[in-house]
Amino acid sequence: MKNIGLGLSMLRPVRFLIVVFTCALLIFSYAFPAAAIGTQRSNPEKGEAQLLETQKKTDEVTAKPPLGLKETTERANEGLNEVQGAADINKMNRPENSQQATSAEEQVENFLEKITGKK
């Protein structure tokens, strides 16, 4: 019986370390997603000015009765959709203007090459 008691008493520090490690893991798992956002902050005033024109057109469209198929098709062909038109079309990512972009797969490959030193 003394051997069993001696063995269990030796596991108390290990049990304590496991609890501490688990608590630290929980704390960091909650903290790091927030830290992953980074320190880059957007300027809300900059985005608000761009949306005012789109909001104005949206208000005009909702005040009128629903558009028919012909009017909807005509407005949609002018740009992105019948409300937004061609507003900010050059700022949006499309295959035509994203030729220099790196895909997620390429980013991971580059990261792994840097870590392993194969590049």
PDB file of N, CA and C in Angstrom:
ATOM      1  N   MET A   1       0.798  -1.193   0.000  1.00  0.00           N
ATOM      2  CA  MET A   1       0.000   0.000   0.000  1.00  0.00           C
ATOM      3  C   MET A   1       0.848   1.269   0.000  1.00  0.00           C
ATOM      4  N   LYS A   2       2.004   1.203   0.647  1.00  0.00           N
ATOM      5  CA  LYS A   2       2.849   2.384   0.707  1.00  0.00           C
ATOM      6  C   LYS A   2       3.385   2.747  -0.680  1.00  0.00           C
ATOM      7  N   ASN A   3       3.609   1.752  -1.517  1.00  0.00           N
ATOM      8  CA  ASN A   3       4.109   2.024  -2.864  1.00  0.00           C
ATOM      9  C   ASN A   3       3.081   2.784  -3.697  1.00  0.00           C
ATOM     10  N   ILE A   4       1.802   2.442  -3.567  1.00  0.00           N
ATOM     11  CA  ILE A   4       0.755   3.139  -4.331  1.00  0.00           C
ATOM     12  C   ILE A   4       0.638   4.585  -3.866  1.00  0.00           C
ATOM     13  N   GLY A   5       0.654   4.795  -2.550  1.00  0.00           N
ATOM     14  CA  GLY A   5       0.573   6.155  -2.010  1.00  0.00           C
ATOM     15  C   GLY A   5       1.762   7.003  -2.412  1.00  0.00           C
ATOM     16  N   LEU A   6       2.940   6.402  -2.458  1.00  0.00           N
ATOM     17  CA  LEU A   6       4.144   7.126  -2.854  1.00  0.00           C
ATOM     18  C   LEU A   6       4.069   7.528  -4.325  1.00  0.00           C
ATOM     19  N   GLY A   7       3.551   6.644  -5.148  1.00  0.00           N
ATOM     20  CA  GLY A   7       3.433   6.932  -6.580  1.00  0.00           C
ATOM     21  C   GLY A   7       2.434   8.041  -6.861  1.00  0.00           C
ATOM     22  N   LEU A   8       1.321   8.044  -6.146  1.00  0.00           N
ATOM     23  CA  LEU A   8       0.309   9.089  -6.347  1.00  0.00           C
ATOM     24  C   LEU A   8       0.779  10.440  -5.846  1.00  0.00           C
ATOM     25  N   SER A   9       1.538  10.461  -4.770  1.00  0.00           N
ATOM     26  CA  SER A   9       2.026  11.735  -4.239  1.00  0.00           C
ATOM     27  C   SER A   9       3.049  12.368  -5.183  1.00  0.00           C
ATOM     28  N   MET A  10       3.745  11.539  -5.957  1.00  0.00           N
ATOM     29  CA  MET A  10       4.717  12.076  -6.908  1.00  0.00           C
ATOM     30  C   MET A  10       4.033  12.684  -8.126  1.00  0.00           C
ATOM     31  N   LEU A  11       2.787  12.315  -8.391  1.00  0.00           N
ATOM     32  CA  LEU A  11       2.070  12.840  -9.549  1.00  0.00           C
ATOM     33  C   LEU A  11       1.421  14.204  -9.294  1.00  0.00           C
ATOM     34  N   ARG A  12       1.372  14.644  -8.040  1.00  0.00           N
ATOM     35  CA  ARG A  12       0.738  15.935  -7.745  1.00  0.00           C
ATOM     36  C   ARG A  12       1.405  17.100  -8.476  1.00  0.00           C
ATOM     37  N   PRO A  13       2.718  17.226  -8.491  1.00  0.00           N
ATOM     38  CA  PRO A  13       3.322  18.335  -9.254  1.00  0.00           C
ATOM     39  C   PRO A  13       3.043  18.230 -10.755  1.00  0.00           C
ATOM     40  N   VAL A  14       3.002  17.016 -11.265  1.00  0.00           N
ATOM     41  CA  VAL A  14       2.705  16.824 -12.687  1.00  0.00           C
ATOM     42  C   VAL A  14       1.280  17.250 -12.981  1.00  0.00           C
ATOM     43  N   ARG A  15       0.359  16.885 -12.096  1.00  0.00           N
ATOM     44  CA  ARG A  15      -1.036  17.281 -12.253  1.00  0.00           C
ATOM     45  C   ARG A  15      -1.165  18.804 -12.225  1.00  0.00           C
ATOM     46  N   PHE A  16      -0.430  19.434 -11.320  1.00  0.00           N
ATOM     47  CA  PHE A  16      -0.456  20.891 -11.219  1.00  0.00           C
ATOM     48  C   PHE A  16       0.066  21.516 -12.511  1.00  0.00           C
ATOM     49  N   LEU A  17       1.152  20.985 -13.059  1.00  0.00           N
ATOM     50  CA  LEU A  17       1.705  21.517 -14.313  1.00  0.00           C
ATOM     51  C   LEU A  17       0.726  21.342 -15.477  1.00  0.00           C
ATOM     52  N   ILE A  18       0.013  20.236 -15.515  1.00  0.00           N
ATOM     53  CA  ILE A  18      -0.974  20.008 -16.571  1.00  0.00           C
ATOM     54  C   ILE A  18      -2.103  21.022 -16.469  1.00  0.00           C
ATOM     55  N   VAL A  19      -2.556  21.313 -15.266  1.00  0.00           N
ATOM     56  CA  VAL A  19      -3.615  22.307 -15.073  1.00  0.00           C
ATOM     57  C   VAL A  19      -3.124  23.691 -15.482  1.00  0.00           C
ATOM     58  N   VAL A  20      -1.925  24.054 -15.090  1.00  0.00           N
ATOM     59  CA  VAL A  20      -1.365  25.359 -15.454  1.00  0.00           C
ATOM     60  C   VAL A  20      -1.211  25.467 -16.973  1.00  0.00           C
ATOM     61  N   PHE A  21      -0.702  24.425 -17.591  1.00  0.00           N
ATOM     62  CA  PHE A  21      -0.537  24.424 -19.047  1.00  0.00           C
ATOM     63  C   PHE A  21      -1.888  24.556 -19.748  1.00  0.00           C
ATOM     64  N   THR A  22      -2.907  23.856 -19.274  1.00  0.00           N
ATOM     65  CA  THR A  22      -4.234  23.925 -19.880  1.00  0.00           C
ATOM     66  C   THR A  22      -4.819  25.324 -19.727  1.00  0.00           C
ATOM     67  N   CYS A  23      -4.672  25.928 -18.557  1.00  0.00           N
ATOM     68  CA  CYS A  23      -5.174  27.292 -18.360  1.00  0.00           C
ATOM     69  C   CYS A  23      -4.454  28.286 -19.281  1.00  0.00           C
ATOM     70  N   ALA A  24      -3.152  28.152 -19.386  1.00  0.00           N
ATOM     71  CA  ALA A  24      -2.388  29.045 -20.266  1.00  0.00           C
ATOM     72  C   ALA A  24      -2.810  28.854 -21.718  1.00  0.00           C
ATOM     73  N   LEU A  25      -3.038  27.626 -22.119  1.00  0.00           N
ATOM     74  CA  LEU A  25      -3.481  27.347 -23.478  1.00  0.00           C
ATOM     75  C   LEU A  25      -4.838  27.999 -23.757  1.00  0.00           C
ATOM     76  N   LEU A  26      -5.755  27.909 -22.822  1.00  0.00           N
ATOM     77  CA  LEU A  26      -7.063  28.543 -22.989  1.00  0.00           C
ATOM     78  C   LEU A  26      -6.955  30.066 -23.083  1.00  0.00           C
ATOM     79  N   ILE A  27      -6.136  30.646 -22.239  1.00  0.00           N
ATOM     80  CA  ILE A  27      -5.970  32.106 -22.264  1.00  0.00           C
ATOM     81  C   ILE A  27      -5.375  32.555 -23.587  1.00  0.00           C
ATOM     82  N   PHE A  28      -4.325  31.881 -24.045  1.00  0.00           N
ATOM     83  CA  PHE A  28      -3.704  32.274 -25.308  1.00  0.00           C
ATOM     84  C   PHE A  28      -4.598  32.000 -26.510  1.00  0.00           C
ATOM     85  N   SER A  29      -5.396  30.947 -26.448  1.00  0.00           N
ATOM     86  CA  SER A  29      -6.276  30.661 -27.585  1.00  0.00           C
ATOM     87  C   SER A  29      -7.358  31.723 -27.727  1.00  0.00           C
ATOM     88  N   TYR A  30      -7.726  32.366 -26.633  1.00  0.00           N
ATOM     89  CA  TYR A  30      -8.675  33.473 -26.717  1.00  0.00           C
ATOM     90  C   TYR A  30      -7.991  34.775 -27.093  1.00  0.00           C
ATOM     91  N   ALA A  31      -6.743  34.956 -26.712  1.00  0.00           N
ATOM     92  CA  ALA A  31      -6.051  36.222 -26.945  1.00  0.00           C
ATOM     93  C   ALA A  31      -5.475  36.329 -28.350  1.00  0.00           C
ATOM     94  N   PHE A  32      -4.949  35.261 -28.906  1.00  0.00           N
ATOM     95  CA  PHE A  32      -4.264  35.370 -30.183  1.00  0.00           C
ATOM     96  C   PHE A  32      -5.165  35.636 -31.382  1.00  0.00           C
ATOM     97  N   PRO A  33      -6.396  35.159 -31.446  1.00  0.00           N
ATOM     98  CA  PRO A  33      -7.210  35.592 -32.581  1.00  0.00           C
ATOM     99  C   PRO A  33      -7.412  37.102 -32.609  1.00  0.00           C
ATOM    100  N   ALA A  34      -7.528  37.718 -31.451  1.00  0.00           N
ATOM    101  CA  ALA A  34      -7.647  39.175 -31.408  1.00  0.00           C
ATOM    102  C   ALA A  34      -6.325  39.825 -31.792  1.00  0.00           C
ATOM    103  N   ALA A  35      -5.222  39.236 -31.419  1.00  0.00           N
ATOM    104  CA  ALA A  35      -3.916  39.785 -31.764  1.00  0.00           C
ATOM    105  C   ALA A  35      -3.593  39.564 -33.241  1.00  0.00           C
ATOM    106  N   ALA A  36      -4.210  38.584 -33.858  1.00  0.00           N
ATOM    107  CA  ALA A  36      -3.947  38.305 -35.269  1.00  0.00           C
ATOM    108  C   ALA A  36      -4.466  39.409 -36.177  1.00  0.00           C
ATOM    109  N   ILE A  37      -5.389  40.198 -35.669  1.00  0.00           N
ATOM    110  CA  ILE A  37      -5.917  41.311 -36.464  1.00  0.00           C
ATOM    111  C   ILE A  37      -4.819  42.319 -36.729  1.00  0.00           C
ATOM    112  N   GLY A  38      -3.935  42.492 -35.785  1.00  0.00           N
ATOM    113  CA  GLY A  38      -2.816  43.397 -35.962  1.00  0.00           C
ATOM    114  C   GLY A  38      -3.160  44.809 -35.536  1.00  0.00           C
ATOM    115  N   THR A  39      -2.230  45.700 -35.817  1.00  0.00           N
ATOM    116  CA  THR A  39      -2.407  47.079 -35.400  1.00  0.00           C
ATOM    117  C   THR A  39      -2.878  47.971 -36.526  1.00  0.00           C
ATOM    118  N   GLN A  40      -3.029  47.432 -37.715  1.00  0.00           N
ATOM    119  CA  GLN A  40      -3.482  48.235 -38.844  1.00  0.00           C
ATOM    120  C   GLN A  40      -4.952  48.601 -38.645  1.00  0.00           C
ATOM    121  N   ARG A  41      -5.221  49.862 -38.632  1.00  0.00           N
ATOM    122  CA  ARG A  41      -6.589  50.328 -38.405  1.00  0.00           C
ATOM    123  C   ARG A  41      -7.066  51.089 -39.632  1.00  0.00           C
ATOM    124  N   SER A  42      -8.333  50.931 -39.928  1.00  0.00           N
ATOM    125  CA  SER A  42      -8.883  51.647 -41.067  1.00  0.00           C
ATOM    126  C   SER A  42      -9.425  52.992 -40.601  1.00  0.00           C
ATOM    127  N   ASN A  43      -9.590  53.878 -41.548  1.00  0.00           N
ATOM    128  CA  ASN A  43     -10.129  55.201 -41.263  1.00  0.00           C
ATOM    129  C   ASN A  43     -11.617  55.196 -41.613  1.00  0.00           C
ATOM    130  N   PRO A  44     -12.510  55.228 -40.625  1.00  0.00           N
ATOM    131  CA  PRO A  44     -13.941  55.141 -40.924  1.00  0.00           C
ATOM    132  C   PRO A  44     -14.455  56.316 -41.736  1.00  0.00           C
ATOM    133  N   GLU A  45     -13.859  57.489 -41.568  1.00  0.00           N
ATOM    134  CA  GLU A  45     -14.322  58.644 -42.330  1.00  0.00           C
ATOM    135  C   GLU A  45     -14.059  58.469 -43.825  1.00  0.00           C
ATOM    136  N   LYS A  46     -12.980  57.810 -44.157  1.00  0.00           N
ATOM    137  CA  LYS A  46     -12.628  57.591 -45.557  1.00  0.00           C
ATOM    138  C   LYS A  46     -13.660  56.693 -46.243  1.00  0.00           C
ATOM    139  N   GLY A  47     -14.070  55.623 -45.593  1.00  0.00           N
ATOM    140  CA  GLY A  47     -15.056  54.718 -46.170  1.00  0.00           C
ATOM    141  C   GLY A  47     -16.449  55.312 -46.199  1.00  0.00           C
ATOM    142  N   GLU A  48     -16.756  56.143 -45.223  1.00  0.00           N
ATOM    143  CA  GLU A  48     -18.094  56.732 -45.137  1.00  0.00           C
ATOM    144  C   GLU A  48     -18.360  57.660 -46.317  1.00  0.00           C
ATOM    145  N   ALA A  49     -17.371  58.421 -46.718  1.00  0.00           N
ATOM    146  CA  ALA A  49     -17.558  59.349 -47.830  1.00  0.00           C
ATOM    147  C   ALA A  49     -17.849  58.594 -49.126  1.00  0.00           C
ATOM    148  N   GLN A  50     -17.231  57.448 -49.299  1.00  0.00           N
ATOM    149  CA  GLN A  50     -17.435  56.678 -50.519  1.00  0.00           C
ATOM    150  C   GLN A  50     -18.810  56.029 -50.558  1.00  0.00           C
ATOM    151  N   LEU A  51     -19.355  55.721 -49.398  1.00  0.00           N
ATOM    152  CA  LEU A  51     -20.640  55.033 -49.360  1.00  0.00           C
ATOM    153  C   LEU A  51     -21.834  55.966 -49.454  1.00  0.00           C
ATOM    154  N   LEU A  52     -21.619  57.252 -49.293  1.00  0.00           N
ATOM    155  CA  LEU A  52     -22.749  58.180 -49.297  1.00  0.00           C
ATOM    156  C   LEU A  52     -23.469  58.199 -50.647  1.00  0.00           C
ATOM    157  N   GLU A  53     -22.709  58.169 -51.733  1.00  0.00           N
ATOM    158  CA  GLU A  53     -23.329  58.173 -53.061  1.00  0.00           C
ATOM    159  C   GLU A  53     -24.113  56.887 -53.303  1.00  0.00           C
ATOM    160  N   THR A  54     -23.560  55.769 -52.904  1.00  0.00           N
ATOM    161  CA  THR A  54     -24.270  54.499 -53.047  1.00  0.00           C
ATOM    162  C   THR A  54     -25.526  54.488 -52.189  1.00  0.00           C
ATOM    163  N   GLN A  55     -25.449  55.025 -50.986  1.00  0.00           N
ATOM    164  CA  GLN A  55     -26.622  55.095 -50.113  1.00  0.00           C
ATOM    165  C   GLN A  55     -27.696  55.997 -50.711  1.00  0.00           C
ATOM    166  N   LYS A  56     -27.282  57.076 -51.336  1.00  0.00           N
ATOM    167  CA  LYS A  56     -28.235  57.991 -51.973  1.00  0.00           C
ATOM    168  C   LYS A  56     -28.994  57.280 -53.094  1.00  0.00           C
ATOM    169  N   LYS A  57     -28.262  56.540 -53.916  1.00  0.00           N
ATOM    170  CA  LYS A  57     -28.914  55.802 -55.001  1.00  0.00           C
ATOM    171  C   LYS A  57     -29.819  54.703 -54.454  1.00  0.00           C
ATOM    172  N   THR A  58     -29.401  54.064 -53.373  1.00  0.00           N
ATOM    173  CA  THR A  58     -30.223  53.025 -52.758  1.00  0.00           C
ATOM    174  C   THR A  58     -31.529  53.610 -52.243  1.00  0.00           C
ATOM    175  N   ASP A  59     -31.450  54.764 -51.617  1.00  0.00           N
ATOM    176  CA  ASP A  59     -32.664  55.422 -51.120  1.00  0.00           C
ATOM    177  C   ASP A  59     -33.606  55.787 -52.261  1.00  0.00           C
ATOM    178  N   GLU A  60     -33.051  56.243 -53.383  1.00  0.00           N
ATOM    179  CA  GLU A  60     -33.883  56.583 -54.540  1.00  0.00           C
ATOM    180  C   GLU A  60     -34.588  55.344 -55.094  1.00  0.00           C
ATOM    181  N   VAL A  61     -33.862  54.241 -55.180  1.00  0.00           N
ATOM    182  CA  VAL A  61     -34.430  53.017 -55.742  1.00  0.00           C
ATOM    183  C   VAL A  61     -35.515  52.452 -54.828  1.00  0.00           C
ATOM    184  N   THR A  62     -35.303  52.502 -53.516  1.00  0.00           N
ATOM    185  CA  THR A  62     -36.298  51.935 -52.605  1.00  0.00           C
ATOM    186  C   THR A  62     -37.548  52.792 -52.485  1.00  0.00           C
ATOM    187  N   ALA A  63     -37.452  54.069 -52.823  1.00  0.00           N
ATOM    188  CA  ALA A  63     -38.629  54.940 -52.752  1.00  0.00           C
ATOM    189  C   ALA A  63     -39.580  54.685 -53.921  1.00  0.00           C
ATOM    190  N   LYS A  64     -39.069  54.125 -54.996  1.00  0.00           N
ATOM    191  CA  LYS A  64     -39.885  53.860 -56.188  1.00  0.00           C
ATOM    192  C   LYS A  64     -40.423  52.431 -56.136  1.00  0.00           C
ATOM    193  N   PRO A  65     -41.422  52.145 -56.966  1.00  0.00           N
ATOM    194  CA  PRO A  65     -41.880  50.752 -57.052  1.00  0.00           C
ATOM    195  C   PRO A  65     -40.774  49.863 -57.643  1.00  0.00           C
ATOM    196  N   PRO A  66     -40.885  48.563 -57.457  1.00  0.00           N
ATOM    197  CA  PRO A  66     -39.831  47.658 -57.955  1.00  0.00           C
ATOM    198  C   PRO A  66     -39.612  47.817 -59.463  1.00  0.00           C
ATOM    199  N   LEU A  67     -38.352  47.685 -59.840  1.00  0.00           N
ATOM    200  CA  LEU A  67     -37.992  47.800 -61.247  1.00  0.00           C
ATOM    201  C   LEU A  67     -38.405  46.545 -62.008  1.00  0.00           C
ATOM    202  N   GLY A  68     -38.689  46.725 -63.262  1.00  0.00           N
ATOM    203  CA  GLY A  68     -38.996  45.588 -64.121  1.00  0.00           C
ATOM    204  C   GLY A  68     -37.719  44.922 -64.581  1.00  0.00           C
ATOM    205  N   LEU A  69     -37.880  43.830 -65.303  1.00  0.00           N
ATOM    206  CA  LEU A  69     -36.721  43.074 -65.770  1.00  0.00           C
ATOM    207  C   LEU A  69     -35.855  43.908 -66.711  1.00  0.00           C
ATOM    208  N   LYS A  70     -36.490  44.666 -67.585  1.00  0.00           N
ATOM    209  CA  LYS A  70     -35.744  45.459 -68.565  1.00  0.00           C
ATOM    210  C   LYS A  70     -34.901  46.535 -67.872  1.00  0.00           C
ATOM    211  N   GLU A  71     -35.514  47.272 -66.942  1.00  0.00           N
ATOM    212  CA  GLU A  71     -34.780  48.327 -66.247  1.00  0.00           C
ATOM    213  C   GLU A  71     -33.654  47.748 -65.383  1.00  0.00           C
ATOM    214  N   THR A  72     -33.929  46.637 -64.723  1.00  0.00           N
ATOM    215  CA  THR A  72     -32.908  46.005 -63.891  1.00  0.00           C
ATOM    216  C   THR A  72     -31.726  45.554 -64.736  1.00  0.00           C
ATOM    217  N   THR A  73     -32.006  44.963 -65.882  1.00  0.00           N
ATOM    218  CA  THR A  73     -30.940  44.495 -66.766  1.00  0.00           C
ATOM    219  C   THR A  73     -30.121  45.665 -67.287  1.00  0.00           C
ATOM    220  N   GLU A  74     -30.782  46.755 -67.659  1.00  0.00           N
ATOM    221  CA  GLU A  74     -30.053  47.926 -68.162  1.00  0.00           C
ATOM    222  C   GLU A  74     -29.133  48.509 -67.094  1.00  0.00           C
ATOM    223  N   ARG A  75     -29.663  48.652 -65.879  1.00  0.00           N
ATOM    224  CA  ARG A  75     -28.841  49.220 -64.805  1.00  0.00           C
ATOM    225  C   ARG A  75     -27.714  48.267 -64.407  1.00  0.00           C
ATOM    226  N   ALA A  76     -27.979  46.983 -64.406  1.00  0.00           N
ATOM    227  CA  ALA A  76     -26.946  46.017 -64.025  1.00  0.00           C
ATOM    228  C   ALA A  76     -25.826  45.981 -65.053  1.00  0.00           C
ATOM    229  N   ASN A  77     -26.139  46.207 -66.315  1.00  0.00           N
ATOM    230  CA  ASN A  77     -25.120  46.199 -67.360  1.00  0.00           C
ATOM    231  C   ASN A  77     -24.241  47.445 -67.315  1.00  0.00           C
ATOM    232  N   GLU A  78     -24.665  48.482 -66.598  1.00  0.00           N
ATOM    233  CA  GLU A  78     -23.859  49.694 -66.489  1.00  0.00           C
ATOM    234  C   GLU A  78     -22.638  49.487 -65.588  1.00  0.00           C
ATOM    235  N   GLY A  79     -22.719  48.553 -64.665  1.00  0.00           N
ATOM    236  CA  GLY A  79     -21.604  48.354 -63.740  1.00  0.00           C
ATOM    237  C   GLY A  79     -21.737  47.047 -62.995  1.00  0.00           C
ATOM    238  N   LEU A  80     -21.522  47.105 -61.696  1.00  0.00           N
ATOM    239  CA  LEU A  80     -21.531  45.903 -60.869  1.00  0.00           C
ATOM    240  C   LEU A  80     -22.933  45.380 -60.624  1.00  0.00           C
ATOM    241  N   ASN A  81     -23.859  46.282 -60.319  1.00  0.00           N
ATOM    242  CA  ASN A  81     -25.251  45.909 -60.120  1.00  0.00           C
ATOM    243  C   ASN A  81     -26.126  47.132 -60.367  1.00  0.00           C
ATOM    244  N   GLU A  82     -27.447  46.976 -60.233  1.00  0.00           N
ATOM    245  CA  GLU A  82     -28.331  48.073 -60.601  1.00  0.00           C
ATOM    246  C   GLU A  82     -28.277  49.249 -59.643  1.00  0.00           C
ATOM    247  N   VAL A  83     -27.836  49.052 -58.424  1.00  0.00           N
ATOM    248  CA  VAL A  83     -27.764  50.157 -57.465  1.00  0.00           C
ATOM    249  C   VAL A  83     -26.390  50.795 -57.470  1.00  0.00           C
ATOM    250  N   GLN A  84     -25.365  49.988 -57.378  1.00  0.00           N
ATOM    251  CA  GLN A  84     -24.015  50.521 -57.237  1.00  0.00           C
ATOM    252  C   GLN A  84     -23.458  51.047 -58.554  1.00  0.00           C
ATOM    253  N   GLY A  85     -23.890  50.511 -59.643  1.00  0.00           N
ATOM    254  CA  GLY A  85     -23.364  50.957 -60.928  1.00  0.00           C
ATOM    255  C   GLY A  85     -21.891  50.618 -61.050  1.00  0.00           C
ATOM    256  N   ALA A  86     -21.107  51.579 -61.523  1.00  0.00           N
ATOM    257  CA  ALA A  86     -19.673  51.363 -61.703  1.00  0.00           C
ATOM    258  C   ALA A  86     -18.860  52.005 -60.591  1.00  0.00           C
ATOM    259  N   ALA A  87     -19.499  52.333 -59.468  1.00  0.00           N
ATOM    260  CA  ALA A  87     -18.784  52.984 -58.376  1.00  0.00           C
ATOM    261  C   ALA A  87     -17.711  52.060 -57.809  1.00  0.00           C
ATOM    262  N   ASP A  88     -16.516  52.583 -57.664  1.00  0.00           N
ATOM    263  CA  ASP A  88     -15.368  51.869 -57.093  1.00  0.00           C
ATOM    264  C   ASP A  88     -15.048  50.575 -57.828  1.00  0.00           C
ATOM    265  N   ILE A  89     -15.364  50.486 -59.083  1.00  0.00           N
ATOM    266  CA  ILE A  89     -15.112  49.243 -59.826  1.00  0.00           C
ATOM    267  C   ILE A  89     -13.610  48.983 -59.967  1.00  0.00           C
ATOM    268  N   ASN A  90     -12.799  50.050 -60.003  1.00  0.00           N
ATOM    269  CA  ASN A  90     -11.349  49.866 -60.147  1.00  0.00           C
ATOM    270  C   ASN A  90     -10.686  49.443 -58.851  1.00  0.00           C
ATOM    271  N   LYS A  91     -11.356  49.618 -57.720  1.00  0.00           N
ATOM    272  CA  LYS A  91     -10.792  49.229 -56.427  1.00  0.00           C
ATOM    273  C   LYS A  91     -11.082  47.775 -56.083  1.00  0.00           C
ATOM    274  N   MET A  92     -11.991  47.144 -56.804  1.00  0.00           N
ATOM    275  CA  MET A  92     -12.372  45.766 -56.497  1.00  0.00           C
ATOM    276  C   MET A  92     -11.450  44.785 -57.210  1.00  0.00           C
ATOM    277  N   ASN A  93     -11.196  43.670 -56.555  1.00  0.00           N
ATOM    278  CA  ASN A  93     -10.325  42.652 -57.134  1.00  0.00           C
ATOM    279  C   ASN A  93     -11.112  41.787 -58.112  1.00  0.00           C
ATOM    280  N   ARG A  94     -10.592  41.713 -59.302  1.00  0.00           N
ATOM    281  CA  ARG A  94     -11.154  40.887 -60.363  1.00  0.00           C
ATOM    282  C   ARG A  94     -10.004  40.167 -61.048  1.00  0.00           C
ATOM    283  N   PRO A  95     -10.273  39.138 -61.825  1.00  0.00           N
ATOM    284  CA  PRO A  95      -9.164  38.452 -62.516  1.00  0.00           C
ATOM    285  C   PRO A  95      -8.361  39.388 -63.419  1.00  0.00           C
ATOM    286  N   GLU A  96      -9.015  40.407 -63.975  1.00  0.00           N
ATOM    287  CA  GLU A  96      -8.293  41.315 -64.875  1.00  0.00           C
ATOM    288  C   GLU A  96      -7.244  42.149 -64.148  1.00  0.00           C
ATOM    289  N   ASN A  97      -7.528  42.549 -62.908  1.00  0.00           N
ATOM    290  CA  ASN A  97      -6.583  43.408 -62.206  1.00  0.00           C
ATOM    291  C   ASN A  97      -5.848  42.688 -61.078  1.00  0.00           C
ATOM    292  N   SER A  98      -5.922  41.382 -61.011  1.00  0.00           N
ATOM    293  CA  SER A  98      -5.284  40.624 -59.935  1.00  0.00           C
ATOM    294  C   SER A  98      -4.208  39.674 -60.459  1.00  0.00           C
ATOM    295  N   GLN A  99      -3.594  40.012 -61.554  1.00  0.00           N
ATOM    296  CA  GLN A  99      -2.594  39.119 -62.138  1.00  0.00           C
ATOM    297  C   GLN A  99      -1.339  39.033 -61.273  1.00  0.00           C
ATOM    298  N   GLN A 100      -1.001  40.099 -60.546  1.00  0.00           N
ATOM    299  CA  GLN A 100       0.213  40.114 -59.733  1.00  0.00           C
ATOM    300  C   GLN A 100      -0.015  39.582 -58.325  1.00  0.00           C
ATOM    301  N   ALA A 101      -1.242  39.256 -57.977  1.00  0.00           N
ATOM    302  CA  ALA A 101      -1.544  38.796 -56.622  1.00  0.00           C
ATOM    303  C   ALA A 101      -1.009  37.383 -56.398  1.00  0.00           C
ATOM    304  N   THR A 102      -0.596  37.106 -55.160  1.00  0.00           N
ATOM    305  CA  THR A 102      -0.132  35.769 -54.830  1.00  0.00           C
ATOM    306  C   THR A 102      -1.262  35.022 -54.125  1.00  0.00           C
ATOM    307  N   SER A 103      -1.433  33.787 -54.493  1.00  0.00           N
ATOM    308  CA  SER A 103      -2.497  32.982 -53.903  1.00  0.00           C
ATOM    309  C   SER A 103      -2.078  32.512 -52.510  1.00  0.00           C
ATOM    310  N   ALA A 104      -3.040  32.010 -51.772  1.00  0.00           N
ATOM    311  CA  ALA A 104      -2.756  31.503 -50.433  1.00  0.00           C
ATOM    312  C   ALA A 104      -1.787  30.322 -50.501  1.00  0.00           C
ATOM    313  N   GLU A 105      -1.946  29.501 -51.525  1.00  0.00           N
ATOM    314  CA  GLU A 105      -1.043  28.355 -51.696  1.00  0.00           C
ATOM    315  C   GLU A 105       0.391  28.814 -51.921  1.00  0.00           C
ATOM    316  N   GLU A 106       0.566  29.850 -52.749  1.00  0.00           N
ATOM    317  CA  GLU A 106       1.911  30.362 -52.997  1.00  0.00           C
ATOM    318  C   GLU A 106       2.510  30.985 -51.744  1.00  0.00           C
ATOM    319  N   GLN A 107       1.675  31.667 -50.949  1.00  0.00           N
ATOM    320  CA  GLN A 107       2.164  32.266 -49.712  1.00  0.00           C
ATOM    321  C   GLN A 107       2.641  31.194 -48.737  1.00  0.00           C
ATOM    322  N   VAL A 108       1.878  30.088 -48.641  1.00  0.00           N
ATOM    323  CA  VAL A 108       2.267  29.001 -47.747  1.00  0.00           C
ATOM    324  C   VAL A 108       3.558  28.351 -48.245  1.00  0.00           C
ATOM    325  N   GLU A 109       3.666  28.138 -49.540  1.00  0.00           N
ATOM    326  CA  GLU A 109       4.887  27.543 -50.094  1.00  0.00           C
ATOM    327  C   GLU A 109       6.096  28.432 -49.817  1.00  0.00           C
ATOM    328  N   ASN A 110       5.937  29.748 -50.009  1.00  0.00           N
ATOM    329  CA  ASN A 110       7.046  30.664 -49.739  1.00  0.00           C
ATOM    330  C   ASN A 110       7.433  30.644 -48.265  1.00  0.00           C
ATOM    331  N   PHE A 111       6.446  30.598 -47.394  1.00  0.00           N
ATOM    332  CA  PHE A 111       6.707  30.558 -45.953  1.00  0.00           C
ATOM    333  C   PHE A 111       7.459  29.281 -45.578  1.00  0.00           C
ATOM    334  N   LEU A 112       6.996  28.137 -46.117  1.00  0.00           N
ATOM    335  CA  LEU A 112       7.661  26.875 -45.808  1.00  0.00           C
ATOM    336  C   LEU A 112       9.083  26.833 -46.366  1.00  0.00           C
ATOM    337  N   GLU A 113       9.291  27.443 -47.536  1.00  0.00           N
ATOM    338  CA  GLU A 113      10.643  27.487 -48.099  1.00  0.00           C
ATOM    339  C   GLU A 113      11.561  28.342 -47.238  1.00  0.00           C
ATOM    340  N   LYS A 114      11.036  29.434 -46.687  1.00  0.00           N
ATOM    341  CA  LYS A 114      11.854  30.266 -45.805  1.00  0.00           C
ATOM    342  C   LYS A 114      12.224  29.536 -44.537  1.00  0.00           C
ATOM    343  N   ILE A 115      11.256  28.772 -43.988  1.00  0.00           N
ATOM    344  CA  ILE A 115      11.517  28.048 -42.744  1.00  0.00           C
ATOM    345  C   ILE A 115      12.541  26.951 -42.954  1.00  0.00           C
ATOM    346  N   THR A 116      12.363  26.173 -44.037  1.00  0.00           N
ATOM    347  CA  THR A 116      13.258  25.050 -44.267  1.00  0.00           C
ATOM    348  C   THR A 116      14.583  25.479 -44.881  1.00  0.00           C
ATOM    349  N   GLY A 117      14.662  26.697 -45.414  1.00  0.00           N
ATOM    350  CA  GLY A 117      15.894  27.198 -45.986  1.00  0.00           C
ATOM    351  C   GLY A 117      16.195  26.636 -47.349  1.00  0.00           C
ATOM    352  N   LYS A 118      15.186  26.166 -48.067  1.00  0.00           N
ATOM    353  CA  LYS A 118      15.409  25.576 -49.393  1.00  0.00           C
ATOM    354  C   LYS A 118      15.451  26.631 -50.483  1.00  0.00           C
ATOM    355  N   LYS A 119      15.127  27.843 -50.166  1.00  0.00           N
ATOM    356  CA  LYS A 119      15.108  28.885 -51.198  1.00  0.00           C
ATOM    357  C   LYS A 119      16.384  29.648 -51.210  1.00  0.00           C
TER     358      LYS A 119
END
